[in-house]
Amino acid sequence: MKHTIACLVIFLTTLPLYAQTPATRPYDKLPQVPAFTLTSTDIKEGAKLATPQMGSYNNTGGLDVSPQLAWNGFPKSTKSFVLTVFDPDAPMPGGFWHWEIINIPMSTVQLPTDAGRAKSKELPLGAVTLPNGAKALQFFGAAPPAGSGKHRYIFAIHALDVARLDFPQAPTPEQLCEALGKHTIARATITAWAIKEK
């Protein structure tokens, strides 16, 4: 029950959408877990997203190319990973989920650039891409609406205490969030940003 409540809080905190301060971090509302290290050759903590990681829609001019990601320092008891990319500042209740992959084997510690394209062959065996906020099975680049201010994009690797998450059908973000609340033992994040003035 406590995980369901915590999961609801992460969505409810996005409702006052542009009133959030940069210090507001949605994952702070979930049960706290140790941090480990996430790095990338394509994105940097606190930096603006480059054109490849922007969306190819909404007149953004991007390419929907997912960034290279690598992680280390996670607990030895880790049995699998989940990757999520979340925009808490999107103009809709619950924010916008740009990329979700479950059942990443614990032996996998990096993903190459553009591993998030549709029907990618770069994902490890057993990993499952879930529908993003646009119902597409791929990485959806950043495309904040014009005039909506700076949007944060939280790239997160969640270390889990189970080898796989099983759902009867593709889970909603709320259902995935609840499962993460139950099984996450450590988390690593990079938060980048994007803005569209007009």
N, C-alpha and C. Protein backbone atom coordinates (compact mmCIF):
# COMPACT_ATOMS: atom_id res chain seq x y z
N MET A 1 0.82 -1.20 0.00
CA MET A 1 0.00 0.00 0.00
C MET A 1 0.86 1.26 0.00
N LYS A 2 1.95 1.24 0.80
CA LYS A 2 2.79 2.44 0.88
C LYS A 2 3.44 2.75 -0.45
N HIS A 3 3.74 1.68 -1.24
CA HIS A 3 4.34 1.92 -2.55
C HIS A 3 3.34 2.55 -3.51
N THR A 4 2.07 2.14 -3.42
CA THR A 4 1.04 2.73 -4.26
C THR A 4 0.87 4.20 -3.93
N ILE A 5 0.85 4.54 -2.65
CA ILE A 5 0.71 5.93 -2.24
C ILE A 5 1.90 6.75 -2.71
N ALA A 6 3.11 6.21 -2.54
CA ALA A 6 4.31 6.93 -2.98
C ALA A 6 4.31 7.14 -4.47
N CYS A 7 3.81 6.13 -5.20
CA CYS A 7 3.75 6.24 -6.65
C CYS A 7 2.76 7.31 -7.08
N LEU A 8 1.62 7.39 -6.39
CA LEU A 8 0.66 8.43 -6.71
C LEU A 8 1.23 9.81 -6.45
N VAL A 9 2.04 9.92 -5.41
CA VAL A 9 2.62 11.22 -5.06
C VAL A 9 3.51 11.72 -6.17
N ILE A 10 4.28 10.82 -6.81
CA ILE A 10 5.20 11.25 -7.87
C ILE A 10 4.42 11.87 -9.03
N PHE A 11 3.20 11.41 -9.24
CA PHE A 11 2.38 11.97 -10.31
C PHE A 11 1.67 13.24 -9.84
N LEU A 12 1.17 13.24 -8.62
CA LEU A 12 0.45 14.40 -8.13
C LEU A 12 1.36 15.61 -7.99
N THR A 13 2.65 15.38 -7.73
CA THR A 13 3.56 16.51 -7.59
C THR A 13 3.83 17.20 -8.91
N THR A 14 3.43 16.59 -10.02
CA THR A 14 3.62 17.24 -11.31
C THR A 14 2.42 18.10 -11.69
N LEU A 15 1.35 18.08 -10.91
CA LEU A 15 0.15 18.81 -11.29
C LEU A 15 0.34 20.32 -11.30
N PRO A 16 1.01 20.93 -10.29
CA PRO A 16 1.31 22.36 -10.42
C PRO A 16 2.51 22.52 -11.35
N LEU A 17 2.29 22.27 -12.64
CA LEU A 17 3.35 21.94 -13.57
C LEU A 17 4.52 22.90 -13.59
N TYR A 18 4.26 24.17 -13.86
CA TYR A 18 5.39 25.08 -14.04
C TYR A 18 5.72 25.81 -12.75
N ALA A 19 5.02 25.46 -11.66
CA ALA A 19 5.33 26.06 -10.37
C ALA A 19 6.48 25.34 -9.69
N GLN A 20 6.92 24.20 -10.28
CA GLN A 20 7.99 23.45 -9.65
C GLN A 20 9.31 24.21 -9.76
N THR A 21 10.14 24.03 -8.77
CA THR A 21 11.46 24.62 -8.79
C THR A 21 12.44 23.56 -9.29
N PRO A 22 13.62 23.98 -9.77
CA PRO A 22 14.59 23.00 -10.23
C PRO A 22 14.98 21.99 -9.16
N ALA A 23 14.81 22.35 -7.88
CA ALA A 23 15.19 21.44 -6.81
C ALA A 23 14.18 20.32 -6.62
N THR A 24 12.96 20.47 -7.16
CA THR A 24 11.95 19.45 -7.02
C THR A 24 12.30 18.25 -7.88
N ARG A 25 12.46 17.10 -7.25
CA ARG A 25 12.84 15.89 -7.97
C ARG A 25 11.79 14.82 -7.70
N PRO A 26 11.06 14.39 -8.71
CA PRO A 26 9.98 13.42 -8.48
C PRO A 26 10.41 12.16 -7.74
N TYR A 27 11.61 11.64 -8.02
CA TYR A 27 12.00 10.40 -7.36
C TYR A 27 12.25 10.58 -5.86
N ASP A 28 12.36 11.82 -5.41
CA ASP A 28 12.49 12.05 -3.98
C ASP A 28 11.23 11.67 -3.24
N LYS A 29 10.11 11.54 -3.97
CA LYS A 29 8.84 11.18 -3.34
C LYS A 29 8.68 9.67 -3.18
N LEU A 30 9.54 8.89 -3.80
CA LEU A 30 9.52 7.44 -3.66
C LEU A 30 10.39 7.02 -2.48
N PRO A 31 10.24 5.78 -2.01
CA PRO A 31 11.12 5.30 -0.94
C PRO A 31 12.58 5.54 -1.31
N GLN A 32 13.34 6.11 -0.39
CA GLN A 32 14.73 6.46 -0.68
C GLN A 32 15.63 5.23 -0.73
N VAL A 33 16.51 5.21 -1.72
CA VAL A 33 17.44 4.10 -1.91
C VAL A 33 18.83 4.68 -2.19
N PRO A 34 19.87 3.86 -2.04
CA PRO A 34 21.22 4.35 -2.34
C PRO A 34 21.36 4.74 -3.81
N ALA A 35 22.31 5.63 -4.07
CA ALA A 35 22.60 6.06 -5.44
C ALA A 35 23.82 5.31 -5.96
N PHE A 36 23.87 5.14 -7.28
CA PHE A 36 25.10 4.67 -7.93
C PHE A 36 25.37 5.61 -9.10
N THR A 37 26.27 5.25 -9.99
CA THR A 37 26.77 6.20 -10.99
C THR A 37 26.23 5.91 -12.38
N LEU A 38 25.68 6.94 -13.01
CA LEU A 38 25.23 6.88 -14.40
C LEU A 38 26.00 7.92 -15.20
N THR A 39 26.60 7.52 -16.30
CA THR A 39 27.35 8.45 -17.14
C THR A 39 26.87 8.33 -18.58
N SER A 40 27.26 9.31 -19.40
CA SER A 40 26.88 9.31 -20.81
C SER A 40 27.87 10.15 -21.59
N THR A 41 28.12 9.74 -22.83
CA THR A 41 28.94 10.53 -23.73
C THR A 41 28.10 11.54 -24.50
N ASP A 42 26.77 11.45 -24.36
CA ASP A 42 25.86 12.28 -25.15
C ASP A 42 25.10 13.33 -24.33
N ILE A 43 24.89 13.08 -23.06
CA ILE A 43 24.17 14.02 -22.20
C ILE A 43 24.96 14.24 -20.93
N LYS A 44 24.73 15.38 -20.29
CA LYS A 44 25.44 15.72 -19.06
C LYS A 44 24.45 16.23 -18.02
N GLU A 45 24.76 15.97 -16.76
CA GLU A 45 23.93 16.46 -15.67
C GLU A 45 23.83 17.98 -15.72
N GLY A 46 22.59 18.48 -15.71
CA GLY A 46 22.36 19.91 -15.68
C GLY A 46 22.57 20.63 -16.99
N ALA A 47 22.85 19.89 -18.07
CA ALA A 47 23.14 20.53 -19.36
C ALA A 47 21.94 20.42 -20.30
N LYS A 48 21.92 21.28 -21.29
CA LYS A 48 20.86 21.26 -22.30
C LYS A 48 21.04 20.07 -23.23
N LEU A 49 19.94 19.44 -23.58
CA LEU A 49 20.00 18.32 -24.51
C LEU A 49 20.42 18.79 -25.90
N ALA A 50 21.24 17.99 -26.57
CA ALA A 50 21.69 18.31 -27.92
C ALA A 50 20.60 17.93 -28.93
N THR A 51 20.75 18.40 -30.16
CA THR A 51 19.75 18.17 -31.21
C THR A 51 19.40 16.70 -31.40
N PRO A 52 20.35 15.76 -31.42
CA PRO A 52 19.95 14.36 -31.62
C PRO A 52 18.96 13.85 -30.59
N GLN A 53 19.05 14.33 -29.35
CA GLN A 53 18.16 13.85 -28.29
C GLN A 53 16.84 14.62 -28.23
N MET A 54 16.66 15.59 -29.10
CA MET A 54 15.39 16.29 -29.20
C MET A 54 14.43 15.48 -30.09
N GLY A 55 13.14 15.79 -29.98
CA GLY A 55 12.15 15.05 -30.74
C GLY A 55 12.07 15.48 -32.19
N SER A 56 11.59 14.58 -33.03
CA SER A 56 11.43 14.88 -34.46
C SER A 56 10.01 15.36 -34.76
N TYR A 57 9.32 15.84 -33.75
CA TYR A 57 7.94 16.31 -33.90
C TYR A 57 7.81 17.66 -33.20
N ASN A 58 6.65 18.28 -33.31
CA ASN A 58 6.38 19.56 -32.64
C ASN A 58 7.34 20.66 -33.11
N ASN A 59 7.82 20.54 -34.36
CA ASN A 59 8.73 21.54 -34.95
C ASN A 59 9.98 21.75 -34.09
N THR A 60 10.43 20.67 -33.47
CA THR A 60 11.61 20.77 -32.60
C THR A 60 12.91 20.57 -33.36
N GLY A 61 12.85 19.85 -34.48
CA GLY A 61 14.04 19.66 -35.29
C GLY A 61 15.00 18.61 -34.79
N GLY A 62 14.53 17.75 -33.88
CA GLY A 62 15.41 16.73 -33.33
C GLY A 62 15.38 15.43 -34.13
N LEU A 63 16.06 14.41 -33.57
CA LEU A 63 16.23 13.15 -34.29
C LEU A 63 15.74 11.93 -33.51
N ASP A 64 15.26 12.11 -32.28
CA ASP A 64 14.81 10.99 -31.45
C ASP A 64 15.90 9.95 -31.24
N VAL A 65 17.13 10.40 -31.08
CA VAL A 65 18.26 9.48 -30.85
C VAL A 65 18.51 9.37 -29.35
N SER A 66 18.34 8.19 -28.81
CA SER A 66 18.58 7.99 -27.38
C SER A 66 20.08 8.11 -27.10
N PRO A 67 20.44 8.64 -25.93
CA PRO A 67 21.86 8.83 -25.62
C PRO A 67 22.54 7.54 -25.18
N GLN A 68 23.85 7.51 -25.36
CA GLN A 68 24.65 6.44 -24.78
C GLN A 68 24.57 6.55 -23.26
N LEU A 69 24.43 5.42 -22.59
CA LEU A 69 24.35 5.39 -21.14
C LEU A 69 25.22 4.26 -20.60
N ALA A 70 25.90 4.50 -19.49
CA ALA A 70 26.70 3.47 -18.83
C ALA A 70 26.57 3.65 -17.32
N TRP A 71 26.59 2.56 -16.60
CA TRP A 71 26.38 2.66 -15.15
C TRP A 71 27.29 1.69 -14.40
N ASN A 72 27.63 2.07 -13.18
CA ASN A 72 28.49 1.26 -12.33
C ASN A 72 28.26 1.61 -10.88
N GLY A 73 28.79 0.78 -9.98
CA GLY A 73 28.67 1.05 -8.55
C GLY A 73 27.36 0.62 -7.93
N PHE A 74 26.57 -0.15 -8.64
CA PHE A 74 25.29 -0.64 -8.13
C PHE A 74 25.52 -1.79 -7.14
N PRO A 75 24.54 -2.09 -6.28
CA PRO A 75 24.71 -3.16 -5.29
C PRO A 75 24.98 -4.53 -5.91
N LYS A 76 25.77 -5.32 -5.22
CA LYS A 76 26.07 -6.67 -5.71
C LYS A 76 24.84 -7.55 -5.75
N SER A 77 23.83 -7.18 -4.98
CA SER A 77 22.59 -7.97 -4.94
C SER A 77 21.64 -7.63 -6.09
N THR A 78 22.04 -6.72 -6.98
CA THR A 78 21.20 -6.36 -8.12
C THR A 78 20.95 -7.57 -9.01
N LYS A 79 19.69 -7.74 -9.43
CA LYS A 79 19.33 -8.87 -10.29
C LYS A 79 18.87 -8.43 -11.68
N SER A 80 18.48 -7.17 -11.83
CA SER A 80 18.11 -6.65 -13.14
C SER A 80 18.02 -5.13 -13.04
N PHE A 81 17.82 -4.49 -14.20
CA PHE A 81 17.70 -3.03 -14.24
C PHE A 81 16.44 -2.63 -15.01
N VAL A 82 15.95 -1.45 -14.69
CA VAL A 82 14.89 -0.80 -15.46
C VAL A 82 15.40 0.58 -15.84
N LEU A 83 15.16 0.99 -17.07
CA LEU A 83 15.51 2.33 -17.53
C LEU A 83 14.24 3.13 -17.75
N THR A 84 14.24 4.36 -17.26
CA THR A 84 13.11 5.26 -17.53
C THR A 84 13.65 6.64 -17.90
N VAL A 85 12.89 7.34 -18.74
CA VAL A 85 13.17 8.74 -19.05
C VAL A 85 11.86 9.50 -18.87
N PHE A 86 11.86 10.47 -17.96
CA PHE A 86 10.63 11.11 -17.52
C PHE A 86 10.76 12.63 -17.55
N ASP A 87 9.72 13.28 -18.09
CA ASP A 87 9.63 14.74 -18.08
C ASP A 87 8.55 15.14 -17.07
N PRO A 88 8.92 15.57 -15.87
CA PRO A 88 7.92 15.94 -14.86
C PRO A 88 7.26 17.28 -15.14
N ASP A 89 7.78 18.02 -16.12
CA ASP A 89 7.28 19.37 -16.41
C ASP A 89 6.35 19.42 -17.62
N ALA A 90 6.03 18.26 -18.19
CA ALA A 90 5.14 18.22 -19.35
C ALA A 90 3.75 18.74 -18.96
N PRO A 91 3.06 19.43 -19.86
CA PRO A 91 1.77 20.04 -19.55
C PRO A 91 0.61 19.05 -19.55
N MET A 92 0.73 18.06 -18.67
CA MET A 92 -0.33 17.07 -18.52
C MET A 92 -0.17 16.42 -17.15
N PRO A 93 -1.27 15.96 -16.54
CA PRO A 93 -1.15 15.28 -15.25
C PRO A 93 -0.24 14.07 -15.34
N GLY A 94 0.68 13.96 -14.43
CA GLY A 94 1.57 12.80 -14.44
C GLY A 94 2.80 12.95 -15.29
N GLY A 95 3.01 14.12 -15.92
CA GLY A 95 4.20 14.30 -16.73
C GLY A 95 4.15 13.44 -17.99
N PHE A 96 5.33 13.22 -18.59
CA PHE A 96 5.40 12.46 -19.84
C PHE A 96 6.58 11.50 -19.78
N TRP A 97 6.32 10.22 -20.11
CA TRP A 97 7.35 9.19 -20.10
C TRP A 97 7.89 9.02 -21.52
N HIS A 98 9.17 9.29 -21.70
CA HIS A 98 9.79 9.27 -23.02
C HIS A 98 10.39 7.92 -23.40
N TRP A 99 10.71 7.10 -22.40
CA TRP A 99 11.38 5.83 -22.70
C TRP A 99 11.31 4.96 -21.45
N GLU A 100 10.94 3.69 -21.63
CA GLU A 100 10.87 2.75 -20.52
C GLU A 100 11.31 1.38 -21.01
N ILE A 101 12.30 0.80 -20.35
CA ILE A 101 12.76 -0.55 -20.67
C ILE A 101 12.84 -1.34 -19.37
N ILE A 102 12.21 -2.50 -19.34
CA ILE A 102 12.28 -3.36 -18.17
C ILE A 102 13.08 -4.62 -18.50
N ASN A 103 13.43 -5.36 -17.45
CA ASN A 103 14.10 -6.66 -17.56
C ASN A 103 15.45 -6.57 -18.28
N ILE A 104 16.19 -5.50 -18.01
CA ILE A 104 17.56 -5.40 -18.50
C ILE A 104 18.43 -6.31 -17.62
N PRO A 105 19.12 -7.28 -18.17
CA PRO A 105 19.91 -8.21 -17.35
C PRO A 105 20.97 -7.49 -16.52
N MET A 106 21.26 -8.04 -15.36
CA MET A 106 22.23 -7.39 -14.49
C MET A 106 23.64 -7.39 -15.07
N SER A 107 23.87 -8.23 -16.07
CA SER A 107 25.17 -8.26 -16.74
C SER A 107 25.34 -7.11 -17.73
N THR A 108 24.27 -6.41 -18.03
CA THR A 108 24.32 -5.28 -18.96
C THR A 108 24.60 -4.00 -18.18
N VAL A 109 25.67 -3.29 -18.55
CA VAL A 109 26.04 -2.08 -17.81
C VAL A 109 26.17 -0.86 -18.74
N GLN A 110 25.70 -0.99 -19.97
CA GLN A 110 25.69 0.16 -20.86
C GLN A 110 24.76 -0.09 -22.05
N LEU A 111 24.30 1.01 -22.62
CA LEU A 111 23.52 0.97 -23.86
C LEU A 111 24.14 1.96 -24.82
N PRO A 112 24.33 1.58 -26.08
CA PRO A 112 24.95 2.49 -27.04
C PRO A 112 24.00 3.59 -27.50
N THR A 113 24.55 4.61 -28.11
CA THR A 113 23.74 5.67 -28.70
C THR A 113 22.74 5.07 -29.69
N ASP A 114 21.50 5.53 -29.64
CA ASP A 114 20.42 5.14 -30.53
C ASP A 114 19.91 3.72 -30.27
N ALA A 115 20.16 3.20 -29.07
CA ALA A 115 19.60 1.90 -28.71
C ALA A 115 18.08 1.98 -28.56
N GLY A 116 17.55 3.19 -28.45
CA GLY A 116 16.13 3.35 -28.24
C GLY A 116 15.30 3.48 -29.50
N ARG A 117 15.89 3.28 -30.66
CA ARG A 117 15.09 3.38 -31.90
C ARG A 117 14.11 2.20 -31.97
N ALA A 118 13.07 2.35 -32.75
CA ALA A 118 12.06 1.30 -32.90
C ALA A 118 12.71 0.01 -33.42
N LYS A 119 12.34 -1.11 -32.81
CA LYS A 119 12.85 -2.43 -33.20
C LYS A 119 14.38 -2.51 -33.14
N SER A 120 14.94 -1.85 -32.16
CA SER A 120 16.40 -1.81 -32.02
C SER A 120 16.98 -3.21 -31.77
N LYS A 121 18.11 -3.46 -32.39
CA LYS A 121 18.85 -4.70 -32.17
C LYS A 121 19.95 -4.52 -31.11
N GLU A 122 20.03 -3.31 -30.54
CA GLU A 122 21.09 -2.99 -29.60
C GLU A 122 20.72 -3.30 -28.15
N LEU A 123 19.47 -3.70 -27.92
CA LEU A 123 19.06 -4.00 -26.55
C LEU A 123 19.43 -5.44 -26.20
N PRO A 124 19.76 -5.69 -24.93
CA PRO A 124 20.14 -7.05 -24.54
C PRO A 124 18.97 -8.02 -24.61
N LEU A 125 19.28 -9.29 -24.76
CA LEU A 125 18.27 -10.32 -24.82
C LEU A 125 17.42 -10.31 -23.55
N GLY A 126 16.12 -10.32 -23.71
CA GLY A 126 15.22 -10.33 -22.57
C GLY A 126 14.67 -8.98 -22.19
N ALA A 127 15.35 -7.90 -22.59
CA ALA A 127 14.88 -6.56 -22.27
C ALA A 127 13.61 -6.24 -23.06
N VAL A 128 12.70 -5.54 -22.43
CA VAL A 128 11.41 -5.24 -23.05
C VAL A 128 11.17 -3.73 -23.03
N THR A 129 10.94 -3.16 -24.20
CA THR A 129 10.60 -1.74 -24.31
C THR A 129 9.09 -1.59 -24.13
N LEU A 130 8.69 -0.70 -23.21
CA LEU A 130 7.28 -0.45 -22.96
C LEU A 130 6.81 0.75 -23.79
N PRO A 131 5.52 0.88 -24.01
CA PRO A 131 5.02 2.05 -24.74
C PRO A 131 5.34 3.34 -23.98
N ASN A 132 5.83 4.34 -24.70
CA ASN A 132 6.10 5.63 -24.05
C ASN A 132 4.78 6.43 -23.99
N GLY A 133 4.89 7.68 -23.61
CA GLY A 133 3.69 8.49 -23.46
C GLY A 133 2.91 8.69 -24.74
N ALA A 134 3.56 8.46 -25.89
CA ALA A 134 2.90 8.55 -27.19
C ALA A 134 2.50 7.18 -27.72
N LYS A 135 2.62 6.15 -26.86
CA LYS A 135 2.25 4.77 -27.20
C LYS A 135 3.19 4.13 -28.21
N ALA A 136 4.39 4.70 -28.37
CA ALA A 136 5.36 4.14 -29.30
C ALA A 136 6.42 3.34 -28.54
N LEU A 137 6.90 2.26 -29.15
CA LEU A 137 7.90 1.40 -28.52
C LEU A 137 9.30 1.87 -28.89
N GLN A 138 9.66 3.04 -28.43
CA GLN A 138 10.96 3.61 -28.77
C GLN A 138 11.25 4.81 -27.86
N PHE A 139 12.44 5.35 -28.00
CA PHE A 139 12.79 6.59 -27.31
C PHE A 139 12.11 7.75 -28.03
N PHE A 140 11.43 8.59 -27.27
CA PHE A 140 10.77 9.77 -27.80
C PHE A 140 11.57 10.98 -27.36
N GLY A 141 12.18 11.68 -28.29
CA GLY A 141 13.02 12.81 -27.94
C GLY A 141 12.25 13.95 -27.30
N ALA A 142 12.99 14.86 -26.70
CA ALA A 142 12.39 16.00 -26.00
C ALA A 142 11.74 16.96 -26.99
N ALA A 143 10.53 17.39 -26.68
CA ALA A 143 9.83 18.35 -27.54
C ALA A 143 8.89 19.19 -26.69
N PRO A 144 9.45 20.02 -25.82
CA PRO A 144 8.58 20.83 -24.96
C PRO A 144 7.76 21.82 -25.78
N PRO A 145 6.50 22.03 -25.41
CA PRO A 145 5.68 23.02 -26.14
C PRO A 145 6.29 24.42 -26.04
N ALA A 146 6.13 25.19 -27.08
CA ALA A 146 6.65 26.55 -27.09
C ALA A 146 6.05 27.36 -25.94
N GLY A 147 6.92 28.09 -25.27
CA GLY A 147 6.48 28.96 -24.20
C GLY A 147 6.18 28.28 -22.88
N SER A 148 6.46 26.97 -22.79
CA SER A 148 6.14 26.25 -21.55
C SER A 148 7.30 26.24 -20.56
N GLY A 149 8.37 26.94 -20.88
CA GLY A 149 9.49 27.02 -19.96
C GLY A 149 10.46 25.86 -20.10
N LYS A 150 11.39 25.80 -19.17
CA LYS A 150 12.42 24.75 -19.19
C LYS A 150 11.82 23.44 -18.68
N HIS A 151 12.04 22.38 -19.44
CA HIS A 151 11.59 21.04 -19.04
C HIS A 151 12.80 20.21 -18.63
N ARG A 152 12.64 19.45 -17.57
CA ARG A 152 13.69 18.53 -17.13
C ARG A 152 13.42 17.14 -17.69
N TYR A 153 14.48 16.44 -18.06
CA TYR A 153 14.39 15.08 -18.57
C TYR A 153 15.27 14.21 -17.68
N ILE A 154 14.61 13.35 -16.89
CA ILE A 154 15.32 12.55 -15.90
C ILE A 154 15.57 11.16 -16.46
N PHE A 155 16.82 10.90 -16.82
CA PHE A 155 17.25 9.59 -17.29
C PHE A 155 17.64 8.79 -16.04
N ALA A 156 16.96 7.67 -15.81
CA ALA A 156 17.18 6.92 -14.57
C ALA A 156 17.40 5.44 -14.87
N ILE A 157 18.37 4.87 -14.16
CA ILE A 157 18.59 3.43 -14.14
C ILE A 157 18.24 2.96 -12.74
N HIS A 158 17.29 2.05 -12.65
CA HIS A 158 16.84 1.51 -11.37
C HIS A 158 17.40 0.09 -11.22
N ALA A 159 18.13 -0.16 -10.14
CA ALA A 159 18.63 -1.50 -9.84
C ALA A 159 17.57 -2.23 -9.02
N LEU A 160 17.19 -3.43 -9.47
CA LEU A 160 16.11 -4.16 -8.82
C LEU A 160 16.60 -5.41 -8.11
N ASP A 161 15.76 -5.88 -7.17
CA ASP A 161 16.08 -7.10 -6.42
C ASP A 161 15.42 -8.33 -7.02
N VAL A 162 14.86 -8.20 -8.21
CA VAL A 162 14.25 -9.34 -8.92
C VAL A 162 14.83 -9.41 -10.33
N ALA A 163 14.87 -10.61 -10.88
CA ALA A 163 15.47 -10.81 -12.20
C ALA A 163 14.60 -10.28 -13.33
N ARG A 164 13.29 -10.21 -13.09
CA ARG A 164 12.41 -9.68 -14.11
C ARG A 164 11.11 -9.19 -13.48
N LEU A 165 10.48 -8.25 -14.14
CA LEU A 165 9.15 -7.80 -13.77
C LEU A 165 8.16 -8.41 -14.76
N ASP A 166 7.16 -9.07 -14.24
CA ASP A 166 6.17 -9.71 -15.09
C ASP A 166 4.82 -9.01 -14.93
N PHE A 167 4.25 -8.64 -16.04
CA PHE A 167 2.93 -8.01 -16.06
C PHE A 167 2.06 -8.78 -17.05
N PRO A 168 0.76 -8.91 -16.78
CA PRO A 168 -0.12 -9.62 -17.72
C PRO A 168 -0.23 -8.93 -19.06
N GLN A 169 -0.01 -7.62 -19.08
CA GLN A 169 0.03 -6.84 -20.31
C GLN A 169 0.92 -5.63 -20.07
N ALA A 170 1.20 -4.87 -21.10
CA ALA A 170 2.08 -3.72 -20.95
C ALA A 170 1.58 -2.83 -19.81
N PRO A 171 2.40 -2.58 -18.80
CA PRO A 171 1.94 -1.82 -17.65
C PRO A 171 1.80 -0.34 -17.95
N THR A 172 0.90 0.31 -17.25
CA THR A 172 0.81 1.76 -17.30
C THR A 172 2.00 2.32 -16.53
N PRO A 173 2.33 3.60 -16.72
CA PRO A 173 3.41 4.20 -15.92
C PRO A 173 3.15 4.06 -14.41
N GLU A 174 1.88 4.17 -14.01
CA GLU A 174 1.57 4.03 -12.59
C GLU A 174 1.89 2.62 -12.08
N GLN A 175 1.58 1.61 -12.89
CA GLN A 175 1.86 0.23 -12.49
C GLN A 175 3.36 -0.04 -12.45
N LEU A 176 4.09 0.49 -13.42
CA LEU A 176 5.54 0.33 -13.40
C LEU A 176 6.12 1.04 -12.19
N CYS A 177 5.64 2.24 -11.92
CA CYS A 177 6.13 3.01 -10.78
C CYS A 177 5.89 2.25 -9.48
N GLU A 178 4.74 1.61 -9.34
CA GLU A 178 4.46 0.84 -8.14
C GLU A 178 5.43 -0.33 -8.00
N ALA A 179 5.71 -1.02 -9.13
CA ALA A 179 6.66 -2.13 -9.09
C ALA A 179 8.06 -1.64 -8.72
N LEU A 180 8.44 -0.48 -9.25
CA LEU A 180 9.75 0.08 -8.90
C LEU A 180 9.81 0.42 -7.42
N GLY A 181 8.71 0.92 -6.87
CA GLY A 181 8.69 1.22 -5.45
C GLY A 181 8.91 0.00 -4.59
N LYS A 182 8.46 -1.15 -5.06
CA LYS A 182 8.60 -2.40 -4.30
C LYS A 182 9.99 -3.02 -4.46
N HIS A 183 10.59 -2.87 -5.64
CA HIS A 183 11.77 -3.68 -5.95
C HIS A 183 13.07 -2.90 -6.18
N THR A 184 13.03 -1.58 -6.21
CA THR A 184 14.26 -0.82 -6.44
C THR A 184 15.13 -0.83 -5.19
N ILE A 185 16.40 -1.19 -5.36
CA ILE A 185 17.35 -1.18 -4.24
C ILE A 185 18.40 -0.09 -4.40
N ALA A 186 18.49 0.51 -5.57
CA ALA A 186 19.41 1.62 -5.81
C ALA A 186 18.99 2.29 -7.11
N ARG A 187 19.40 3.56 -7.27
CA ARG A 187 18.98 4.31 -8.46
C ARG A 187 20.09 5.29 -8.86
N ALA A 188 20.27 5.44 -10.17
CA ALA A 188 21.22 6.42 -10.70
C ALA A 188 20.50 7.29 -11.71
N THR A 189 20.77 8.58 -11.70
CA THR A 189 20.07 9.48 -12.62
C THR A 189 21.01 10.51 -13.24
N ILE A 190 20.60 10.99 -14.41
CA ILE A 190 21.15 12.19 -15.04
C ILE A 190 19.94 13.04 -15.43
N THR A 191 19.94 14.29 -15.02
CA THR A 191 18.86 15.20 -15.38
C THR A 191 19.38 16.26 -16.32
N ALA A 192 18.87 16.25 -17.54
CA ALA A 192 19.20 17.27 -18.53
C ALA A 192 17.94 18.10 -18.80
N TRP A 193 18.03 19.09 -19.68
CA TRP A 193 16.87 19.96 -19.88
C TRP A 193 16.76 20.41 -21.34
N ALA A 194 15.57 20.92 -21.66
CA ALA A 194 15.33 21.48 -22.99
C ALA A 194 14.26 22.55 -22.86
N ILE A 195 14.25 23.46 -23.83
CA ILE A 195 13.28 24.55 -23.83
C ILE A 195 12.99 24.93 -25.27
N LYS A 196 11.77 25.37 -25.53
CA LYS A 196 11.39 25.87 -26.85
C LYS A 196 10.74 27.23 -26.65
N GLU A 197 11.43 28.25 -27.06
CA GLU A 197 10.99 29.61 -26.81
C GLU A 197 9.74 29.96 -27.61
N LYS A 198 9.73 29.58 -28.90
CA LYS A 198 8.58 29.91 -29.75
C LYS A 198 8.56 29.05 -30.99
